[in-house]
């Protein structure tokens, strides 16, 4: 399989970068290929432009401003997201990635009758998110309702394809995490990614689990 790994953290020495490195090594060790998109290092502009917004319902939609990234996403079989949660949400640069790249004609098309949207990014069969929070797990889940997981699982992953394999793994209470906890989290990520088989195996599993 070919993966697009999207990293959203401004510091090259961050734990998020260690996660991205771990994920890349685990996937490549299993024979997969990885295209690493470091949003900060590549100076991605997260702002939806005036032209992009005013033409949002044009057919065809003009995505030339992010055309190179669209090509990289379209070439992938799986999408790996690596990011911290800030204020129980995506970093602004990652939210901008969704705003600008998961656009009409790329991730979905508008139903001519209005209302619903039609999935278009059907090449993506697997979406994993590896993230951290500064708060303990019970605040993120019980108090806040785990908003990032809900947004990805219910609002973004379904745009990719029906039956997409979505998984999310978070390291909570990151500000107080020991070296041992961080190493254990990296090991969990590596083990999870080592279990990913070839593309046809994922498709067949999803086919058996769909109604």
C-alpha atoms as a PDB file:
ATOM      1  CA  UNK A   1       0.000   0.000   0.000  1.00  0.00           C
ATOM      2  CA  UNK A   2       0.990   3.603  -0.487  1.00  0.00           C
ATOM      3  CA  UNK A   3       0.377   5.990   2.426  1.00  0.00           C
ATOM      4  CA  UNK A   4       0.206   9.747   2.703  1.00  0.00           C
ATOM      5  CA  UNK A   5       1.390  10.657   6.203  1.00  0.00           C
ATOM      6  CA  UNK A   6       0.322  14.166   7.203  1.00  0.00           C
ATOM      7  CA  UNK A   7       2.292  15.702  10.077  1.00  0.00           C
ATOM      8  CA  UNK A   8       1.011  18.853  11.792  1.00  0.00           C
ATOM      9  CA  UNK A   9       3.504  20.172  14.347  1.00  0.00           C
ATOM     10  CA  UNK A  10       5.824  23.190  14.092  1.00  0.00           C
ATOM     11  CA  UNK A  11       8.761  21.726  16.053  1.00  0.00           C
ATOM     12  CA  UNK A  12      11.045  19.160  14.393  1.00  0.00           C
ATOM     13  CA  UNK A  13      12.101  17.857  17.821  1.00  0.00           C
ATOM     14  CA  UNK A  14       8.489  17.268  18.941  1.00  0.00           C
ATOM     15  CA  UNK A  15       6.985  13.977  20.058  1.00  0.00           C
ATOM     16  CA  UNK A  16       4.688  14.216  17.028  1.00  0.00           C
ATOM     17  CA  UNK A  17       7.764  13.987  14.802  1.00  0.00           C
ATOM     18  CA  UNK A  18       8.880  10.903  16.738  1.00  0.00           C
ATOM     19  CA  UNK A  19       5.439   9.398  16.086  1.00  0.00           C
ATOM     20  CA  UNK A  20       5.730  10.198  12.375  1.00  0.00           C
ATOM     21  CA  UNK A  21       9.196   8.610  12.268  1.00  0.00           C
ATOM     22  CA  UNK A  22       7.917   5.506  14.061  1.00  0.00           C
ATOM     23  CA  UNK A  23       4.939   5.182  11.731  1.00  0.00           C
ATOM     24  CA  UNK A  24       7.112   5.582   8.647  1.00  0.00           C
ATOM     25  CA  UNK A  25       9.588   2.929   9.789  1.00  0.00           C
ATOM     26  CA  UNK A  26       6.828   0.465  10.714  1.00  0.00           C
ATOM     27  CA  UNK A  27       5.048   0.836   7.383  1.00  0.00           C
ATOM     28  CA  UNK A  28       8.194   0.656   5.280  1.00  0.00           C
ATOM     29  CA  UNK A  29       9.420  -2.392   7.207  1.00  0.00           C
ATOM     30  CA  UNK A  30       6.239  -4.145   6.081  1.00  0.00           C
ATOM     31  CA  UNK A  31       6.801  -3.273   2.428  1.00  0.00           C
ATOM     32  CA  UNK A  32       4.524  -0.231   2.232  1.00  0.00           C
ATOM     33  CA  UNK A  33       5.575   3.132   0.782  1.00  0.00           C
ATOM     34  CA  UNK A  34       5.133   6.445   2.624  1.00  0.00           C
ATOM     35  CA  UNK A  35       4.852   9.999   1.298  1.00  0.00           C
ATOM     36  CA  UNK A  36       5.459  12.298   4.278  1.00  0.00           C
ATOM     37  CA  UNK A  37       3.652  15.635   4.089  1.00  0.00           C
ATOM     38  CA  UNK A  38       5.005  17.899   6.841  1.00  0.00           C
ATOM     39  CA  UNK A  39       2.579  20.820   6.696  1.00  0.00           C
ATOM     40  CA  UNK A  40       4.847  23.230   8.563  1.00  0.00           C
ATOM     41  CA  UNK A  41       8.069  22.230   6.807  1.00  0.00           C
ATOM     42  CA  UNK A  42       6.366  22.591   3.422  1.00  0.00           C
ATOM     43  CA  UNK A  43       4.913  25.968   4.457  1.00  0.00           C
ATOM     44  CA  UNK A  44       1.321  24.932   3.774  1.00  0.00           C
ATOM     45  CA  UNK A  45      -1.099  27.885   3.870  1.00  0.00           C
ATOM     46  CA  UNK A  46      -4.194  26.746   5.809  1.00  0.00           C
ATOM     47  CA  UNK A  47      -6.319  29.735   4.806  1.00  0.00           C
ATOM     48  CA  UNK A  48      -9.185  29.009   2.424  1.00  0.00           C
ATOM     49  CA  UNK A  49      -8.772  31.803  -0.116  1.00  0.00           C
ATOM     50  CA  UNK A  50     -11.451  34.185  -1.290  1.00  0.00           C
ATOM     51  CA  UNK A  51     -11.304  32.595  -4.733  1.00  0.00           C
ATOM     52  CA  UNK A  52     -11.626  29.075  -3.341  1.00  0.00           C
ATOM     53  CA  UNK A  53     -14.612  29.962  -1.179  1.00  0.00           C
ATOM     54  CA  UNK A  54     -16.440  31.984  -3.823  1.00  0.00           C
ATOM     55  CA  UNK A  55     -16.051  29.102  -6.274  1.00  0.00           C
ATOM     56  CA  UNK A  56     -16.964  26.351  -3.822  1.00  0.00           C
ATOM     57  CA  UNK A  57     -20.029  25.312  -5.801  1.00  0.00           C
ATOM     58  CA  UNK A  58     -18.481  25.764  -9.232  1.00  0.00           C
ATOM     59  CA  UNK A  59     -18.294  22.719 -11.471  1.00  0.00           C
ATOM     60  CA  UNK A  60     -15.455  22.033 -11.824  1.00  0.00           C
ATOM     61  CA  UNK A  61     -14.058  23.420  -8.588  1.00  0.00           C
ATOM     62  CA  UNK A  62     -10.705  25.180  -9.007  1.00  0.00           C
ATOM     63  CA  UNK A  63      -8.214  23.391  -6.724  1.00  0.00           C
ATOM     64  CA  UNK A  64      -5.081  24.606  -8.468  1.00  0.00           C
ATOM     65  CA  UNK A  65      -3.896  26.336  -5.289  1.00  0.00           C
ATOM     66  CA  UNK A  66      -3.394  22.928  -3.647  1.00  0.00           C
ATOM     67  CA  UNK A  67      -3.044  20.875  -6.806  1.00  0.00           C
ATOM     68  CA  UNK A  68       0.263  19.243  -5.858  1.00  0.00           C
ATOM     69  CA  UNK A  69      -1.128  18.033  -2.521  1.00  0.00           C
ATOM     70  CA  UNK A  70      -4.326  16.836  -4.184  1.00  0.00           C
ATOM     71  CA  UNK A  71      -2.196  14.700  -6.508  1.00  0.00           C
ATOM     72  CA  UNK A  72      -0.355  13.210  -3.521  1.00  0.00           C
ATOM     73  CA  UNK A  73      -3.633  12.444  -1.738  1.00  0.00           C
ATOM     74  CA  UNK A  74      -5.147  10.934  -4.875  1.00  0.00           C
ATOM     75  CA  UNK A  75      -2.144   8.615  -5.239  1.00  0.00           C
ATOM     76  CA  UNK A  76      -2.530   7.193  -1.708  1.00  0.00           C
ATOM     77  CA  UNK A  77      -4.324   4.062  -0.552  1.00  0.00           C
ATOM     78  CA  UNK A  78      -4.199   5.111   3.100  1.00  0.00           C
ATOM     79  CA  UNK A  79      -3.985   8.318   5.107  1.00  0.00           C
ATOM     80  CA  UNK A  80      -2.070   8.675   8.391  1.00  0.00           C
ATOM     81  CA  UNK A  81      -2.615  11.840  10.457  1.00  0.00           C
ATOM     82  CA  UNK A  82      -0.112  12.798  13.173  1.00  0.00           C
ATOM     83  CA  UNK A  83      -0.904  15.854  15.293  1.00  0.00           C
ATOM     84  CA  UNK A  84      -1.389  17.214  18.821  1.00  0.00           C
ATOM     85  CA  UNK A  85      -4.805  18.288  20.056  1.00  0.00           C
ATOM     86  CA  UNK A  86      -4.844  21.943  21.035  1.00  0.00           C
ATOM     87  CA  UNK A  87      -7.936  23.236  22.852  1.00  0.00           C
ATOM     88  CA  UNK A  88      -9.571  19.849  22.157  1.00  0.00           C
ATOM     89  CA  UNK A  89      -9.326  20.387  18.410  1.00  0.00           C
ATOM     90  CA  UNK A  90      -7.060  20.100  15.387  1.00  0.00           C
ATOM     91  CA  UNK A  91      -4.087  22.424  15.008  1.00  0.00           C
ATOM     92  CA  UNK A  92      -5.168  25.285  12.724  1.00  0.00           C
ATOM     93  CA  UNK A  93      -2.838  24.112   9.962  1.00  0.00           C
ATOM     94  CA  UNK A  94      -4.461  20.655   9.898  1.00  0.00           C
ATOM     95  CA  UNK A  95      -7.972  22.142   9.921  1.00  0.00           C
ATOM     96  CA  UNK A  96      -6.881  24.221   6.939  1.00  0.00           C
ATOM     97  CA  UNK A  97      -5.653  21.050   5.221  1.00  0.00           C
ATOM     98  CA  UNK A  98      -9.177  19.637   5.468  1.00  0.00           C
ATOM     99  CA  UNK A  99     -10.770  22.948   4.415  1.00  0.00           C
ATOM    100  CA  UNK A 100      -8.616  23.363   1.307  1.00  0.00           C
ATOM    101  CA  UNK A 101      -7.796  19.799   0.227  1.00  0.00           C
ATOM    102  CA  UNK A 102     -10.947  17.892   1.179  1.00  0.00           C
ATOM    103  CA  UNK A 103     -12.851  20.059  -1.277  1.00  0.00           C
ATOM    104  CA  UNK A 104     -15.521  19.535  -3.967  1.00  0.00           C
ATOM    105  CA  UNK A 105     -14.345  17.347  -6.795  1.00  0.00           C
ATOM    106  CA  UNK A 106     -11.619  15.889  -4.562  1.00  0.00           C
ATOM    107  CA  UNK A 107     -13.148  14.409  -1.399  1.00  0.00           C
ATOM    108  CA  UNK A 108     -16.784  14.685  -2.465  1.00  0.00           C
ATOM    109  CA  UNK A 109     -19.168  16.073  -5.024  1.00  0.00           C
ATOM    110  CA  UNK A 110     -22.355  18.020  -4.413  1.00  0.00           C
ATOM    111  CA  UNK A 111     -25.607  16.241  -5.142  1.00  0.00           C
ATOM    112  CA  UNK A 112     -27.310  18.124  -7.967  1.00  0.00           C
ATOM    113  CA  UNK A 113     -30.565  17.982  -5.995  1.00  0.00           C
ATOM    114  CA  UNK A 114     -28.889  19.702  -3.034  1.00  0.00           C
ATOM    115  CA  UNK A 115     -28.408  18.612   0.548  1.00  0.00           C
ATOM    116  CA  UNK A 116     -26.264  15.524   0.735  1.00  0.00           C
ATOM    117  CA  UNK A 117     -22.804  14.994  -0.682  1.00  0.00           C
ATOM    118  CA  UNK A 118     -21.410  12.064  -2.651  1.00  0.00           C
ATOM    119  CA  UNK A 119     -18.126  10.395  -1.656  1.00  0.00           C
ATOM    120  CA  UNK A 120     -15.341  10.810  -4.169  1.00  0.00           C
ATOM    121  CA  UNK A 121     -12.036  10.054  -2.427  1.00  0.00           C
ATOM    122  CA  UNK A 122     -12.653   6.326  -2.670  1.00  0.00           C
ATOM    123  CA  UNK A 123      -8.978   5.468  -3.139  1.00  0.00           C
ATOM    124  CA  UNK A 124      -8.479   5.960   0.615  1.00  0.00           C
ATOM    125  CA  UNK A 125      -9.288   2.651   2.296  1.00  0.00           C
ATOM    126  CA  UNK A 126      -7.607   3.299   5.650  1.00  0.00           C
ATOM    127  CA  UNK A 127      -7.393   6.391   7.868  1.00  0.00           C
ATOM    128  CA  UNK A 128      -5.408   6.325  11.099  1.00  0.00           C
ATOM    129  CA  UNK A 129      -4.945   9.251  13.486  1.00  0.00           C
ATOM    130  CA  UNK A 130      -2.137   9.357  16.061  1.00  0.00           C
ATOM    131  CA  UNK A 131      -2.491  12.247  18.454  1.00  0.00           C
ATOM    132  CA  UNK A 132      -1.717  13.611  21.918  1.00  0.00           C
ATOM    133  CA  UNK A 133      -3.620  15.678  24.451  1.00  0.00           C
ATOM    134  CA  UNK A 134      -2.378  17.783  27.345  1.00  0.00           C
ATOM    135  CA  UNK A 135      -5.372  16.793  29.446  1.00  0.00           C
ATOM    136  CA  UNK A 136      -6.076  13.436  31.116  1.00  0.00           C
ATOM    137  CA  UNK A 137      -8.186  10.922  29.187  1.00  0.00           C
ATOM    138  CA  UNK A 138     -11.268  11.469  31.336  1.00  0.00           C
ATOM    139  CA  UNK A 139     -11.406  15.175  30.540  1.00  0.00           C
ATOM    140  CA  UNK A 140     -11.002  14.597  26.793  1.00  0.00           C
ATOM    141  CA  UNK A 141     -13.554  11.783  26.703  1.00  0.00           C
ATOM    142  CA  UNK A 142     -16.020  12.271  29.537  1.00  0.00           C
ATOM    143  CA  UNK A 143     -16.072  16.056  29.923  1.00  0.00           C
ATOM    144  CA  UNK A 144     -15.442  17.150  26.330  1.00  0.00           C
ATOM    145  CA  UNK A 145     -16.933  14.154  24.532  1.00  0.00           C
ATOM    146  CA  UNK A 146     -13.798  13.294  22.536  1.00  0.00           C
ATOM    147  CA  UNK A 147     -14.548  15.895  19.813  1.00  0.00           C
ATOM    148  CA  UNK A 148     -11.570  15.136  17.563  1.00  0.00           C
ATOM    149  CA  UNK A 149     -12.419  11.437  17.377  1.00  0.00           C
ATOM    150  CA  UNK A 150     -16.054  12.275  16.611  1.00  0.00           C
ATOM    151  CA  UNK A 151     -15.098  14.728  13.863  1.00  0.00           C
ATOM    152  CA  UNK A 152     -12.769  12.252  12.189  1.00  0.00           C
ATOM    153  CA  UNK A 153     -14.901   9.141  12.614  1.00  0.00           C
ATOM    154  CA  UNK A 154     -18.288  10.657  11.816  1.00  0.00           C
ATOM    155  CA  UNK A 155     -17.519  13.682   9.672  1.00  0.00           C
ATOM    156  CA  UNK A 156     -14.270  13.181   7.755  1.00  0.00           C
ATOM    157  CA  UNK A 157     -13.520   9.464   7.418  1.00  0.00           C
ATOM    158  CA  UNK A 158     -16.921   8.735   5.817  1.00  0.00           C
ATOM    159  CA  UNK A 159     -16.084  11.220   3.051  1.00  0.00           C
ATOM    160  CA  UNK A 160     -13.207   8.987   1.956  1.00  0.00           C
ATOM    161  CA  UNK A 161     -15.080   5.775   1.278  1.00  0.00           C
ATOM    162  CA  UNK A 162     -17.856   3.653   2.664  1.00  0.00           C
ATOM    163  CA  UNK A 163     -16.279   1.126   4.999  1.00  0.00           C
ATOM    164  CA  UNK A 164     -12.990   3.009   5.404  1.00  0.00           C
ATOM    165  CA  UNK A 165     -10.853   1.479   8.162  1.00  0.00           C
ATOM    166  CA  UNK A 166     -10.692   4.259  10.770  1.00  0.00           C
ATOM    167  CA  UNK A 167      -8.560   3.982  13.900  1.00  0.00           C
ATOM    168  CA  UNK A 168      -7.322   6.576  16.380  1.00  0.00           C
ATOM    169  CA  UNK A 169      -4.758   6.233  19.131  1.00  0.00           C
ATOM    170  CA  UNK A 170      -4.105   9.042  21.629  1.00  0.00           C
ATOM    171  CA  UNK A 171      -1.521   9.643  24.318  1.00  0.00           C
ATOM    172  CA  UNK A 172      -3.328  11.614  27.024  1.00  0.00           C
ATOM    173  CA  UNK A 173      -1.857  13.797  29.776  1.00  0.00           C
ATOM    174  CA  UNK A 174       1.112  14.408  27.501  1.00  0.00           C
ATOM    175  CA  UNK A 175       2.550  17.223  29.627  1.00  0.00           C
ATOM    176  CA  UNK A 176       3.237  14.762  32.430  1.00  0.00           C
ATOM    177  CA  UNK A 177       4.078  11.692  30.349  1.00  0.00           C
ATOM    178  CA  UNK A 178       7.281   9.931  31.351  1.00  0.00           C
ATOM    179  CA  UNK A 179       9.864   8.696  28.880  1.00  0.00           C
ATOM    180  CA  UNK A 180       8.599   5.172  29.557  1.00  0.00           C
ATOM    181  CA  UNK A 181       5.012   6.121  28.689  1.00  0.00           C
ATOM    182  CA  UNK A 182       6.123   7.849  25.521  1.00  0.00           C
ATOM    183  CA  UNK A 183       8.211   4.865  24.438  1.00  0.00           C
ATOM    184  CA  UNK A 184       5.305   2.525  25.188  1.00  0.00           C
ATOM    185  CA  UNK A 185       3.009   4.677  23.049  1.00  0.00           C
ATOM    186  CA  UNK A 186       5.446   4.555  20.131  1.00  0.00           C
ATOM    187  CA  UNK A 187       5.603   0.769  20.510  1.00  0.00           C
ATOM    188  CA  UNK A 188       1.798   0.546  20.373  1.00  0.00           C
ATOM    189  CA  UNK A 189       1.756   2.586  17.167  1.00  0.00           C
ATOM    190  CA  UNK A 190       4.445   0.403  15.584  1.00  0.00           C
ATOM    191  CA  UNK A 191       2.582  -2.801  16.518  1.00  0.00           C
ATOM    192  CA  UNK A 192      -0.677  -1.454  15.137  1.00  0.00           C
ATOM    193  CA  UNK A 193       0.879  -0.454  11.826  1.00  0.00           C
ATOM    194  CA  UNK A 194       2.792  -3.731  11.511  1.00  0.00           C
ATOM    195  CA  UNK A 195      -0.603  -5.462  11.399  1.00  0.00           C
ATOM    196  CA  UNK A 196      -1.655  -3.664   8.211  1.00  0.00           C
ATOM    197  CA  UNK A 197      -1.766  -6.125   5.354  1.00  0.00           C
ATOM    198  CA  UNK A 198      -2.019  -5.572   1.603  1.00  0.00           C
ATOM    199  CA  UNK A 199      -4.753  -3.392   0.132  1.00  0.00           C
ATOM    200  CA  UNK A 200      -6.911  -6.290  -1.037  1.00  0.00           C
ATOM    201  CA  UNK A 201      -6.999  -7.703   2.506  1.00  0.00           C
ATOM    202  CA  UNK A 202      -8.390  -4.415   3.864  1.00  0.00           C
ATOM    203  CA  UNK A 203     -10.972  -4.237   1.097  1.00  0.00           C
ATOM    204  CA  UNK A 204     -12.074  -7.812   1.744  1.00  0.00           C
ATOM    205  CA  UNK A 205     -12.397  -7.263   5.494  1.00  0.00           C
ATOM    206  CA  UNK A 206     -14.447  -4.138   4.970  1.00  0.00           C
ATOM    207  CA  UNK A 207     -16.685  -5.930   2.497  1.00  0.00           C
ATOM    208  CA  UNK A 208     -17.454  -8.620   5.071  1.00  0.00           C
ATOM    209  CA  UNK A 209     -18.315  -6.081   7.786  1.00  0.00           C
ATOM    210  CA  UNK A 210     -20.600  -3.876   5.719  1.00  0.00           C
ATOM    211  CA  UNK A 211     -24.360  -4.505   5.840  1.00  0.00           C
END
